[in-house]
Amino acid sequence: MKRFKEWFDRQKARISKSNRLQKSTLAEKVQFPKSMVELDDGQFVELRIAIEDDIADILRIQKLSYNGTTPWGEGALRREITHNKRALYLIVRDEKEAVAFIGTWFVDGESHITNIAVVPVKRRNGIAYLLIKKVIYLAVQQKMDKVSLEVRVSNKRAQKLYLKIGFKKVGIKKGYYAGDHEDALEMRLPLLRM
C-alpha cells in the first residue's frame, strides 16, 4: 500500500504540474528578457513583454495611430494579455512613455500578427521593424513554421516594410476591416527550421 501511495502522489504531482503549465500564458513561457535597444536614430528604447498595466498605454497608442479609434478595446486587450494562452504582446517605451506595441497569436505552427502600431511621431526609425523581427525570433524559438499578418491594401508603407523583411503576398480578404470594409492583403513569411 505504501508503494501505491508513493506512486499515486507522484502521478498527482505530475498532473498538477501539467495543469499549471497549461494555465500559464505564452508570456510566462517564452524566454524574452526586457532589453534596451538602439533605434535607427541612435535613441535607446525599452522592449519587453506587455503586462496588464500596459493596457492604457496600448489603447493610447491605438488612438494616436488609428485616427482616434481603438480597434482592440480594453476588454479584448485584457483578455489577450491576461488570459489568452496563445497570445503575446510586446511593448516599446522611450524615456518618457510607451510608443509602440505588437500583438501576436501562436496557433497550430503559425505566429499570426494581430496588431502592430507605432505612434506617428516615432515612425520611420525602425520600431516596427524591431517589433516584427522580435516576433519572428520568438516564433522560431516556439518552433512555428510561419509568421502571417493582414495589412490594409492602401497601406503601402507597411507593405514595403513587410516585403523587405521577407513576407510574401498570398491573397486578398475582401471587406476585411470593420467600418470602411477595406480589403486586407494577406502576407506570410515561411520560417526555416534548423
N, C-alpha and C. Protein backbone atom coordinates (compact mmCIF):
# COMPACT_ATOMS: atom_id res chain seq x y z
N MET A 1 0.82 -1.20 0.00
CA MET A 1 0.00 0.00 0.00
C MET A 1 0.87 1.26 0.00
N LYS A 2 2.00 1.22 0.71
CA LYS A 2 2.88 2.38 0.79
C LYS A 2 3.41 2.73 -0.61
N ARG A 3 3.80 1.71 -1.39
CA ARG A 3 4.33 1.98 -2.74
C ARG A 3 3.24 2.55 -3.64
N PHE A 4 2.02 2.06 -3.47
CA PHE A 4 0.93 2.61 -4.27
C PHE A 4 0.72 4.09 -3.93
N LYS A 5 0.75 4.43 -2.65
CA LYS A 5 0.56 5.82 -2.24
C LYS A 5 1.68 6.69 -2.80
N GLU A 6 2.92 6.21 -2.77
CA GLU A 6 4.04 6.98 -3.35
C GLU A 6 3.83 7.18 -4.85
N TRP A 7 3.43 6.10 -5.53
CA TRP A 7 3.17 6.22 -6.97
C TRP A 7 2.03 7.21 -7.23
N PHE A 8 0.96 7.08 -6.45
CA PHE A 8 -0.20 7.96 -6.61
C PHE A 8 0.19 9.42 -6.37
N ASP A 9 0.98 9.68 -5.34
CA ASP A 9 1.42 11.05 -5.04
C ASP A 9 2.28 11.61 -6.18
N ARG A 10 3.15 10.76 -6.77
CA ARG A 10 3.96 11.22 -7.91
C ARG A 10 3.08 11.57 -9.11
N GLN A 11 2.08 10.72 -9.39
CA GLN A 11 1.17 10.98 -10.50
C GLN A 11 0.37 12.26 -10.27
N LYS A 12 -0.08 12.43 -9.05
CA LYS A 12 -0.85 13.63 -8.70
C LYS A 12 0.00 14.88 -8.88
N ALA A 13 1.26 14.83 -8.45
CA ALA A 13 2.17 15.97 -8.60
C ALA A 13 2.44 16.25 -10.08
N ARG A 14 2.62 15.20 -10.88
CA ARG A 14 2.86 15.37 -12.31
C ARG A 14 1.66 16.03 -12.99
N ILE A 15 0.46 15.58 -12.66
CA ILE A 15 -0.75 16.15 -13.25
C ILE A 15 -0.92 17.60 -12.81
N SER A 16 -0.65 17.87 -11.55
CA SER A 16 -0.76 19.24 -11.05
C SER A 16 0.21 20.16 -11.78
N LYS A 17 1.44 19.69 -11.99
CA LYS A 17 2.44 20.49 -12.72
C LYS A 17 1.98 20.71 -14.15
N SER A 18 1.46 19.67 -14.78
CA SER A 18 0.97 19.78 -16.16
C SER A 18 -0.16 20.79 -16.25
N ASN A 19 -1.08 20.76 -15.29
CA ASN A 19 -2.19 21.72 -15.29
C ASN A 19 -1.70 23.14 -15.10
N ARG A 20 -0.70 23.34 -14.25
CA ARG A 20 -0.13 24.69 -14.06
C ARG A 20 0.50 25.18 -15.35
N LEU A 21 1.21 24.31 -16.06
CA LEU A 21 1.84 24.71 -17.32
C LEU A 21 0.78 25.05 -18.36
N GLN A 22 -0.31 24.29 -18.39
CA GLN A 22 -1.37 24.57 -19.35
C GLN A 22 -2.05 25.89 -19.06
N LYS A 23 -2.14 26.27 -17.79
CA LYS A 23 -2.81 27.50 -17.42
C LYS A 23 -1.95 28.73 -17.67
N SER A 24 -0.64 28.56 -17.76
CA SER A 24 0.22 29.73 -17.93
C SER A 24 0.06 30.32 -19.32
N THR A 25 0.25 31.63 -19.40
CA THR A 25 0.14 32.30 -20.68
C THR A 25 1.45 32.15 -21.45
N LEU A 26 1.38 32.45 -22.73
CA LEU A 26 2.57 32.40 -23.57
C LEU A 26 3.64 33.35 -23.04
N ALA A 27 3.21 34.49 -22.53
CA ALA A 27 4.16 35.46 -21.98
C ALA A 27 4.97 34.86 -20.83
N GLU A 28 4.38 33.94 -20.09
CA GLU A 28 5.09 33.29 -18.99
C GLU A 28 6.01 32.18 -19.48
N LYS A 29 5.79 31.68 -20.69
CA LYS A 29 6.57 30.56 -21.20
C LYS A 29 7.78 30.98 -22.01
N VAL A 30 7.68 32.08 -22.77
CA VAL A 30 8.77 32.45 -23.66
C VAL A 30 9.95 33.01 -22.89
N GLN A 31 11.11 32.87 -23.48
CA GLN A 31 12.32 33.43 -22.90
C GLN A 31 12.60 34.75 -23.62
N PHE A 32 12.21 35.84 -22.97
CA PHE A 32 12.37 37.15 -23.59
C PHE A 32 12.57 38.19 -22.50
N PRO A 33 13.82 38.41 -22.11
CA PRO A 33 14.06 39.40 -21.06
C PRO A 33 13.88 40.82 -21.58
N LYS A 34 13.52 41.71 -20.68
CA LYS A 34 13.43 43.13 -21.02
C LYS A 34 14.80 43.57 -21.52
N SER A 35 14.81 44.41 -22.56
CA SER A 35 16.09 44.85 -23.10
C SER A 35 16.02 46.29 -23.57
N MET A 36 17.18 46.92 -23.63
CA MET A 36 17.32 48.25 -24.21
C MET A 36 17.85 48.06 -25.62
N VAL A 37 17.22 48.72 -26.58
CA VAL A 37 17.56 48.54 -27.99
C VAL A 37 17.81 49.90 -28.61
N GLU A 38 18.84 49.98 -29.47
CA GLU A 38 19.13 51.23 -30.17
C GLU A 38 18.36 51.28 -31.48
N LEU A 39 17.69 52.40 -31.73
CA LEU A 39 16.93 52.60 -32.96
C LEU A 39 17.81 53.23 -34.03
N ASP A 40 17.25 53.36 -35.23
CA ASP A 40 17.97 53.94 -36.36
C ASP A 40 18.48 55.35 -36.07
N ASP A 41 17.74 56.11 -35.24
CA ASP A 41 18.13 57.49 -34.95
C ASP A 41 19.09 57.61 -33.77
N GLY A 42 19.56 56.48 -33.25
CA GLY A 42 20.50 56.48 -32.13
C GLY A 42 19.86 56.49 -30.76
N GLN A 43 18.56 56.66 -30.70
CA GLN A 43 17.84 56.67 -29.43
C GLN A 43 17.71 55.24 -28.91
N PHE A 44 17.76 55.08 -27.59
CA PHE A 44 17.55 53.78 -26.97
C PHE A 44 16.12 53.70 -26.44
N VAL A 45 15.51 52.54 -26.63
CA VAL A 45 14.17 52.28 -26.12
C VAL A 45 14.17 50.96 -25.36
N GLU A 46 13.18 50.82 -24.49
CA GLU A 46 13.00 49.58 -23.75
C GLU A 46 12.00 48.71 -24.50
N LEU A 47 12.33 47.45 -24.68
CA LEU A 47 11.45 46.48 -25.32
C LEU A 47 11.21 45.35 -24.33
N ARG A 48 9.93 45.05 -24.09
CA ARG A 48 9.60 43.97 -23.15
C ARG A 48 8.22 43.42 -23.45
N ILE A 49 7.90 42.33 -22.79
CA ILE A 49 6.57 41.74 -22.89
C ILE A 49 5.58 42.65 -22.17
N ALA A 50 4.45 42.91 -22.81
CA ALA A 50 3.42 43.75 -22.21
C ALA A 50 2.70 43.00 -21.10
N ILE A 51 2.29 43.75 -20.09
CA ILE A 51 1.53 43.21 -18.97
C ILE A 51 0.22 43.98 -18.85
N GLU A 52 -0.62 43.54 -17.94
CA GLU A 52 -1.94 44.16 -17.78
C GLU A 52 -1.84 45.67 -17.53
N ASP A 53 -0.84 46.10 -16.79
CA ASP A 53 -0.67 47.53 -16.51
C ASP A 53 -0.40 48.36 -17.77
N ASP A 54 -0.06 47.72 -18.88
CA ASP A 54 0.24 48.43 -20.13
C ASP A 54 -0.99 48.67 -21.00
N ILE A 55 -2.14 48.16 -20.61
CA ILE A 55 -3.33 48.26 -21.46
C ILE A 55 -3.69 49.70 -21.78
N ALA A 56 -3.66 50.59 -20.79
CA ALA A 56 -3.99 52.01 -21.05
C ALA A 56 -3.04 52.60 -22.09
N ASP A 57 -1.76 52.24 -22.02
CA ASP A 57 -0.79 52.73 -23.00
C ASP A 57 -1.09 52.17 -24.39
N ILE A 58 -1.46 50.90 -24.47
CA ILE A 58 -1.77 50.30 -25.77
C ILE A 58 -3.00 50.97 -26.38
N LEU A 59 -4.00 51.26 -25.56
CA LEU A 59 -5.18 51.98 -26.05
C LEU A 59 -4.79 53.37 -26.57
N ARG A 60 -3.92 54.07 -25.85
CA ARG A 60 -3.47 55.40 -26.26
C ARG A 60 -2.71 55.32 -27.59
N ILE A 61 -1.84 54.33 -27.72
CA ILE A 61 -1.08 54.16 -28.97
C ILE A 61 -2.04 53.90 -30.14
N GLN A 62 -3.05 53.06 -29.91
CA GLN A 62 -4.04 52.80 -30.97
C GLN A 62 -4.75 54.09 -31.38
N LYS A 63 -5.20 54.87 -30.41
CA LYS A 63 -5.92 56.12 -30.72
C LYS A 63 -5.05 57.05 -31.55
N LEU A 64 -3.78 57.17 -31.18
CA LEU A 64 -2.87 58.04 -31.93
C LEU A 64 -2.58 57.49 -33.33
N SER A 65 -2.60 56.18 -33.45
CA SER A 65 -2.24 55.54 -34.72
C SER A 65 -3.41 55.35 -35.67
N TYR A 66 -4.61 55.23 -35.13
CA TYR A 66 -5.79 54.89 -35.94
C TYR A 66 -6.85 55.98 -35.90
N ASN A 67 -6.43 57.22 -36.04
CA ASN A 67 -7.37 58.36 -36.14
C ASN A 67 -8.40 58.38 -35.01
N GLY A 68 -7.94 58.16 -33.78
CA GLY A 68 -8.81 58.26 -32.62
C GLY A 68 -9.60 57.02 -32.29
N THR A 69 -9.45 55.95 -33.06
CA THR A 69 -10.20 54.73 -32.78
C THR A 69 -9.31 53.70 -32.09
N THR A 70 -9.95 52.73 -31.46
CA THR A 70 -9.24 51.62 -30.83
C THR A 70 -9.82 50.31 -31.35
N PRO A 71 -9.24 49.76 -32.42
CA PRO A 71 -9.77 48.51 -32.98
C PRO A 71 -9.87 47.39 -31.94
N TRP A 72 -8.94 47.36 -31.00
CA TRP A 72 -8.99 46.39 -29.92
C TRP A 72 -9.30 47.18 -28.65
N GLY A 73 -10.49 46.95 -28.07
CA GLY A 73 -10.91 47.67 -26.87
C GLY A 73 -10.24 47.15 -25.62
N GLU A 74 -10.53 47.83 -24.51
CA GLU A 74 -9.89 47.48 -23.24
C GLU A 74 -10.18 46.04 -22.82
N GLY A 75 -11.43 45.61 -22.94
CA GLY A 75 -11.79 44.25 -22.55
C GLY A 75 -11.07 43.20 -23.38
N ALA A 76 -11.03 43.43 -24.69
CA ALA A 76 -10.34 42.48 -25.58
C ALA A 76 -8.86 42.41 -25.25
N LEU A 77 -8.23 43.56 -25.03
CA LEU A 77 -6.81 43.57 -24.70
C LEU A 77 -6.54 42.89 -23.36
N ARG A 78 -7.42 43.12 -22.39
CA ARG A 78 -7.24 42.48 -21.08
C ARG A 78 -7.30 40.96 -21.22
N ARG A 79 -8.26 40.46 -22.00
CA ARG A 79 -8.36 39.01 -22.21
C ARG A 79 -7.11 38.49 -22.93
N GLU A 80 -6.66 39.23 -23.95
CA GLU A 80 -5.49 38.82 -24.71
C GLU A 80 -4.25 38.71 -23.80
N ILE A 81 -4.02 39.74 -23.01
CA ILE A 81 -2.79 39.82 -22.23
C ILE A 81 -2.83 38.93 -20.99
N THR A 82 -3.98 38.80 -20.36
CA THR A 82 -4.03 38.06 -19.09
C THR A 82 -4.55 36.63 -19.19
N HIS A 83 -5.35 36.33 -20.22
CA HIS A 83 -5.98 35.01 -20.26
C HIS A 83 -5.69 34.17 -21.50
N ASN A 84 -5.43 34.80 -22.62
CA ASN A 84 -5.23 34.04 -23.86
C ASN A 84 -3.87 33.35 -23.81
N LYS A 85 -3.89 32.03 -23.71
CA LYS A 85 -2.66 31.24 -23.56
C LYS A 85 -1.81 31.25 -24.82
N ARG A 86 -2.36 31.71 -25.93
CA ARG A 86 -1.63 31.70 -27.20
C ARG A 86 -1.25 33.09 -27.68
N ALA A 87 -1.59 34.11 -26.90
CA ALA A 87 -1.31 35.49 -27.31
C ALA A 87 -0.08 36.03 -26.60
N LEU A 88 0.60 36.93 -27.29
CA LEU A 88 1.76 37.60 -26.72
C LEU A 88 1.80 39.03 -27.25
N TYR A 89 1.99 39.97 -26.36
CA TYR A 89 2.12 41.38 -26.73
C TYR A 89 3.48 41.89 -26.27
N LEU A 90 4.13 42.63 -27.14
CA LEU A 90 5.38 43.31 -26.81
C LEU A 90 5.10 44.80 -26.83
N ILE A 91 5.80 45.54 -25.99
CA ILE A 91 5.62 46.99 -25.92
C ILE A 91 6.98 47.67 -25.93
N VAL A 92 7.03 48.84 -26.56
CA VAL A 92 8.26 49.64 -26.64
C VAL A 92 8.01 50.95 -25.91
N ARG A 93 8.97 51.32 -25.04
CA ARG A 93 8.89 52.58 -24.30
C ARG A 93 10.15 53.38 -24.55
N ASP A 94 9.99 54.69 -24.78
CA ASP A 94 11.16 55.55 -24.81
C ASP A 94 11.38 56.06 -23.39
N GLU A 95 12.17 57.10 -23.21
CA GLU A 95 12.46 57.55 -21.85
C GLU A 95 11.23 58.12 -21.14
N LYS A 96 10.18 58.47 -21.91
CA LYS A 96 9.01 59.10 -21.31
C LYS A 96 7.76 58.23 -21.28
N GLU A 97 7.51 57.51 -22.36
CA GLU A 97 6.22 56.82 -22.47
C GLU A 97 6.27 55.66 -23.45
N ALA A 98 5.19 54.88 -23.46
CA ALA A 98 5.05 53.79 -24.43
C ALA A 98 4.80 54.39 -25.81
N VAL A 99 5.50 53.86 -26.82
CA VAL A 99 5.41 54.43 -28.17
C VAL A 99 4.98 53.42 -29.24
N ALA A 100 4.97 52.13 -28.91
CA ALA A 100 4.61 51.12 -29.91
C ALA A 100 4.29 49.80 -29.23
N PHE A 101 3.56 48.96 -29.95
CA PHE A 101 3.28 47.61 -29.46
C PHE A 101 3.01 46.70 -30.65
N ILE A 102 3.08 45.41 -30.38
CA ILE A 102 2.70 44.40 -31.36
C ILE A 102 2.02 43.26 -30.60
N GLY A 103 0.98 42.70 -31.22
CA GLY A 103 0.29 41.55 -30.67
C GLY A 103 0.39 40.39 -31.64
N THR A 104 0.54 39.19 -31.12
CA THR A 104 0.63 38.01 -31.99
C THR A 104 0.02 36.81 -31.29
N TRP A 105 -0.52 35.91 -32.08
CA TRP A 105 -1.03 34.63 -31.60
C TRP A 105 -0.12 33.53 -32.12
N PHE A 106 0.13 32.53 -31.30
CA PHE A 106 0.90 31.35 -31.69
C PHE A 106 -0.06 30.16 -31.71
N VAL A 107 -0.49 29.77 -32.91
CA VAL A 107 -1.51 28.72 -33.04
C VAL A 107 -1.15 27.79 -34.19
N ASP A 108 -1.17 26.49 -33.92
CA ASP A 108 -1.01 25.46 -34.97
C ASP A 108 0.19 25.71 -35.87
N GLY A 109 1.35 25.97 -35.28
CA GLY A 109 2.57 26.14 -36.06
C GLY A 109 2.70 27.49 -36.73
N GLU A 110 1.83 28.42 -36.38
CA GLU A 110 1.84 29.73 -37.02
C GLU A 110 1.82 30.85 -35.98
N SER A 111 2.66 31.84 -36.19
CA SER A 111 2.59 33.07 -35.41
C SER A 111 1.85 34.08 -36.28
N HIS A 112 0.68 34.50 -35.81
CA HIS A 112 -0.13 35.45 -36.58
C HIS A 112 -0.11 36.80 -35.89
N ILE A 113 0.43 37.81 -36.57
CA ILE A 113 0.47 39.16 -36.02
C ILE A 113 -0.93 39.74 -36.11
N THR A 114 -1.52 40.03 -34.95
CA THR A 114 -2.90 40.52 -34.90
C THR A 114 -2.98 42.04 -34.93
N ASN A 115 -1.95 42.71 -34.44
CA ASN A 115 -1.98 44.16 -34.37
C ASN A 115 -0.57 44.69 -34.17
N ILE A 116 -0.26 45.78 -34.82
CA ILE A 116 1.01 46.48 -34.62
C ILE A 116 0.74 47.96 -34.81
N ALA A 117 1.26 48.78 -33.92
CA ALA A 117 1.07 50.22 -34.05
C ALA A 117 2.26 50.95 -33.43
N VAL A 118 2.64 52.04 -34.10
CA VAL A 118 3.70 52.94 -33.63
C VAL A 118 3.11 54.34 -33.65
N VAL A 119 3.28 55.10 -32.56
CA VAL A 119 2.75 56.47 -32.54
C VAL A 119 3.37 57.25 -33.70
N PRO A 120 2.59 58.12 -34.34
CA PRO A 120 3.06 58.81 -35.54
C PRO A 120 4.41 59.52 -35.40
N VAL A 121 4.68 60.16 -34.28
CA VAL A 121 5.94 60.91 -34.14
C VAL A 121 7.16 60.00 -34.02
N LYS A 122 6.96 58.71 -33.83
CA LYS A 122 8.07 57.77 -33.69
C LYS A 122 8.22 56.83 -34.89
N ARG A 123 7.45 57.07 -35.93
CA ARG A 123 7.52 56.21 -37.11
C ARG A 123 8.77 56.51 -37.92
N ARG A 124 9.15 55.53 -38.73
CA ARG A 124 10.27 55.64 -39.67
C ARG A 124 11.64 55.72 -38.97
N ASN A 125 11.74 55.09 -37.80
CA ASN A 125 13.05 54.99 -37.17
C ASN A 125 13.36 53.57 -36.70
N GLY A 126 12.65 52.58 -37.27
CA GLY A 126 12.99 51.19 -37.04
C GLY A 126 12.21 50.46 -35.97
N ILE A 127 11.22 51.11 -35.35
CA ILE A 127 10.49 50.44 -34.26
C ILE A 127 9.63 49.29 -34.80
N ALA A 128 8.88 49.51 -35.86
CA ALA A 128 8.04 48.43 -36.41
C ALA A 128 8.91 47.27 -36.88
N TYR A 129 10.02 47.58 -37.52
CA TYR A 129 10.97 46.55 -37.97
C TYR A 129 11.46 45.74 -36.76
N LEU A 130 11.85 46.43 -35.71
CA LEU A 130 12.31 45.79 -34.48
C LEU A 130 11.25 44.86 -33.91
N LEU A 131 10.02 45.33 -33.81
CA LEU A 131 8.94 44.51 -33.25
C LEU A 131 8.69 43.26 -34.08
N ILE A 132 8.65 43.41 -35.38
CA ILE A 132 8.39 42.25 -36.24
C ILE A 132 9.54 41.25 -36.16
N LYS A 133 10.77 41.74 -36.15
CA LYS A 133 11.92 40.84 -36.04
C LYS A 133 11.90 40.09 -34.70
N LYS A 134 11.46 40.74 -33.64
CA LYS A 134 11.37 40.06 -32.34
C LYS A 134 10.28 38.99 -32.37
N VAL A 135 9.17 39.26 -33.03
CA VAL A 135 8.12 38.24 -33.16
C VAL A 135 8.65 37.06 -33.96
N ILE A 136 9.40 37.32 -35.01
CA ILE A 136 10.00 36.24 -35.81
C ILE A 136 10.95 35.42 -34.93
N TYR A 137 11.77 36.09 -34.15
CA TYR A 137 12.69 35.41 -33.23
C TYR A 137 11.91 34.50 -32.27
N LEU A 138 10.84 35.02 -31.69
CA LEU A 138 10.04 34.23 -30.76
C LEU A 138 9.32 33.09 -31.47
N ALA A 139 8.88 33.31 -32.70
CA ALA A 139 8.23 32.25 -33.47
C ALA A 139 9.19 31.10 -33.73
N VAL A 140 10.43 31.42 -34.06
CA VAL A 140 11.44 30.38 -34.25
C VAL A 140 11.69 29.66 -32.92
N GLN A 141 11.81 30.43 -31.84
CA GLN A 141 12.02 29.85 -30.51
C GLN A 141 10.88 28.89 -30.13
N GLN A 142 9.66 29.22 -30.53
CA GLN A 142 8.49 28.39 -30.21
C GLN A 142 8.21 27.32 -31.28
N LYS A 143 9.15 27.18 -32.24
CA LYS A 143 9.08 26.16 -33.29
C LYS A 143 7.87 26.33 -34.22
N MET A 144 7.55 27.56 -34.54
CA MET A 144 6.49 27.85 -35.50
C MET A 144 7.02 27.66 -36.92
N ASP A 145 6.13 27.39 -37.87
CA ASP A 145 6.51 27.19 -39.27
C ASP A 145 6.45 28.47 -40.09
N LYS A 146 5.63 29.43 -39.65
CA LYS A 146 5.46 30.65 -40.43
C LYS A 146 4.95 31.78 -39.55
N VAL A 147 5.09 33.01 -40.07
CA VAL A 147 4.51 34.20 -39.46
C VAL A 147 3.58 34.79 -40.51
N SER A 148 2.39 35.20 -40.09
CA SER A 148 1.42 35.76 -41.04
C SER A 148 0.82 37.04 -40.48
N LEU A 149 0.19 37.80 -41.37
CA LEU A 149 -0.49 39.04 -40.98
C LEU A 149 -1.42 39.48 -42.08
N GLU A 150 -2.28 40.43 -41.76
CA GLU A 150 -3.08 41.14 -42.75
C GLU A 150 -2.71 42.61 -42.66
N VAL A 151 -2.77 43.28 -43.80
CA VAL A 151 -2.49 44.72 -43.86
C VAL A 151 -3.47 45.34 -44.85
N ARG A 152 -3.89 46.55 -44.55
CA ARG A 152 -4.79 47.25 -45.48
C ARG A 152 -4.15 47.35 -46.86
N VAL A 153 -4.94 47.14 -47.91
CA VAL A 153 -4.39 47.25 -49.26
C VAL A 153 -3.88 48.66 -49.54
N SER A 154 -4.40 49.65 -48.83
CA SER A 154 -3.96 51.04 -49.03
C SER A 154 -2.69 51.38 -48.26
N ASN A 155 -2.26 50.53 -47.35
CA ASN A 155 -1.10 50.83 -46.51
C ASN A 155 0.19 50.35 -47.19
N LYS A 156 0.60 51.10 -48.18
CA LYS A 156 1.77 50.73 -48.98
C LYS A 156 3.06 50.79 -48.18
N ARG A 157 3.17 51.74 -47.25
CA ARG A 157 4.38 51.86 -46.44
C ARG A 157 4.61 50.59 -45.61
N ALA A 158 3.55 50.11 -44.96
CA ALA A 158 3.67 48.88 -44.17
C ALA A 158 3.98 47.69 -45.07
N GLN A 159 3.32 47.61 -46.21
CA GLN A 159 3.58 46.50 -47.14
C GLN A 159 5.05 46.48 -47.57
N LYS A 160 5.59 47.66 -47.82
CA LYS A 160 7.00 47.76 -48.22
C LYS A 160 7.92 47.21 -47.12
N LEU A 161 7.62 47.55 -45.87
CA LEU A 161 8.40 47.03 -44.75
C LEU A 161 8.29 45.52 -44.68
N TYR A 162 7.08 44.98 -44.78
CA TYR A 162 6.89 43.54 -44.67
C TYR A 162 7.61 42.80 -45.80
N LEU A 163 7.56 43.35 -47.00
CA LEU A 163 8.28 42.74 -48.12
C LEU A 163 9.79 42.77 -47.88
N LYS A 164 10.30 43.87 -47.32
CA LYS A 164 11.72 44.00 -47.00
C LYS A 164 12.16 42.92 -46.01
N ILE A 165 11.30 42.61 -45.06
CA ILE A 165 11.60 41.59 -44.05
C ILE A 165 11.56 40.19 -44.66
N GLY A 166 10.81 40.02 -45.74
CA GLY A 166 10.74 38.71 -46.39
C GLY A 166 9.35 38.13 -46.54
N PHE A 167 8.33 38.85 -46.08
CA PHE A 167 6.96 38.39 -46.24
C PHE A 167 6.60 38.37 -47.72
N LYS A 168 5.71 37.45 -48.07
CA LYS A 168 5.20 37.33 -49.44
C LYS A 168 3.69 37.59 -49.43
N LYS A 169 3.20 38.18 -50.51
CA LYS A 169 1.76 38.38 -50.67
C LYS A 169 1.13 37.04 -51.03
N VAL A 170 0.07 36.67 -50.29
CA VAL A 170 -0.54 35.36 -50.55
C VAL A 170 -2.03 35.42 -50.86
N GLY A 171 -2.66 36.57 -50.70
CA GLY A 171 -4.08 36.64 -51.01
C GLY A 171 -4.71 37.94 -50.56
N ILE A 172 -5.99 38.07 -50.89
CA ILE A 172 -6.78 39.25 -50.51
C ILE A 172 -7.99 38.77 -49.72
N LYS A 173 -8.29 39.44 -48.61
CA LYS A 173 -9.52 39.20 -47.86
C LYS A 173 -10.44 40.39 -48.15
N LYS A 174 -11.48 40.15 -48.88
CA LYS A 174 -12.42 41.21 -49.29
C LYS A 174 -13.20 41.75 -48.09
N GLY A 175 -13.30 43.08 -48.01
CA GLY A 175 -14.10 43.72 -46.97
C GLY A 175 -13.69 43.38 -45.55
N TYR A 176 -12.43 43.10 -45.33
CA TYR A 176 -11.93 42.57 -44.06
C TYR A 176 -12.08 43.54 -42.89
N TYR A 177 -11.81 44.81 -43.11
CA TYR A 177 -11.75 45.77 -41.99
C TYR A 177 -13.13 46.33 -41.66
N ALA A 178 -13.43 46.34 -40.35
CA ALA A 178 -14.70 46.88 -39.87
C ALA A 178 -14.75 48.38 -40.17
N GLY A 179 -15.94 48.89 -40.31
CA GLY A 179 -16.11 50.31 -40.57
C GLY A 179 -16.12 50.62 -42.04
N ASP A 180 -14.94 50.70 -42.65
CA ASP A 180 -14.87 51.07 -44.07
C ASP A 180 -14.86 49.86 -45.01
N HIS A 181 -14.74 48.66 -44.45
CA HIS A 181 -14.76 47.41 -45.22
C HIS A 181 -13.66 47.33 -46.28
N GLU A 182 -12.54 47.98 -45.98
CA GLU A 182 -11.40 47.91 -46.91
C GLU A 182 -10.88 46.47 -46.97
N ASP A 183 -10.37 46.11 -48.13
CA ASP A 183 -9.78 44.78 -48.30
C ASP A 183 -8.46 44.70 -47.54
N ALA A 184 -8.10 43.47 -47.16
CA ALA A 184 -6.82 43.21 -46.50
C ALA A 184 -5.96 42.35 -47.40
N LEU A 185 -4.70 42.69 -47.45
CA LEU A 185 -3.71 41.87 -48.14
C LEU A 185 -3.16 40.88 -47.13
N GLU A 186 -3.25 39.59 -47.44
CA GLU A 186 -2.66 38.57 -46.58
C GLU A 186 -1.19 38.40 -46.96
N MET A 187 -0.33 38.35 -45.94
CA MET A 187 1.09 38.17 -46.18
C MET A 187 1.61 37.08 -45.25
N ARG A 188 2.64 36.37 -45.72
CA ARG A 188 3.17 35.24 -44.96
C ARG A 188 4.68 35.17 -45.12
N LEU A 189 5.34 34.78 -44.03
CA LEU A 189 6.78 34.57 -44.02
C LEU A 189 7.05 33.14 -43.56
N PRO A 190 7.50 32.25 -44.46
CA PRO A 190 7.86 30.89 -44.02
C PRO A 190 9.12 30.95 -43.16
N LEU A 191 9.16 30.12 -42.13
CA LEU A 191 10.33 30.07 -41.25
C LEU A 191 11.11 28.79 -41.49
N LEU A 192 12.40 28.91 -41.50
CA LEU A 192 13.26 27.74 -41.69
C LEU A 192 13.50 27.09 -40.34
N ARG A 193 13.37 25.80 -40.30
CA ARG A 193 13.67 25.04 -39.08
C ARG A 193 15.07 24.49 -39.17
N MET A 194 15.79 24.59 -38.08
CA MET A 194 17.16 24.07 -38.02
C MET A 194 17.17 22.71 -37.37
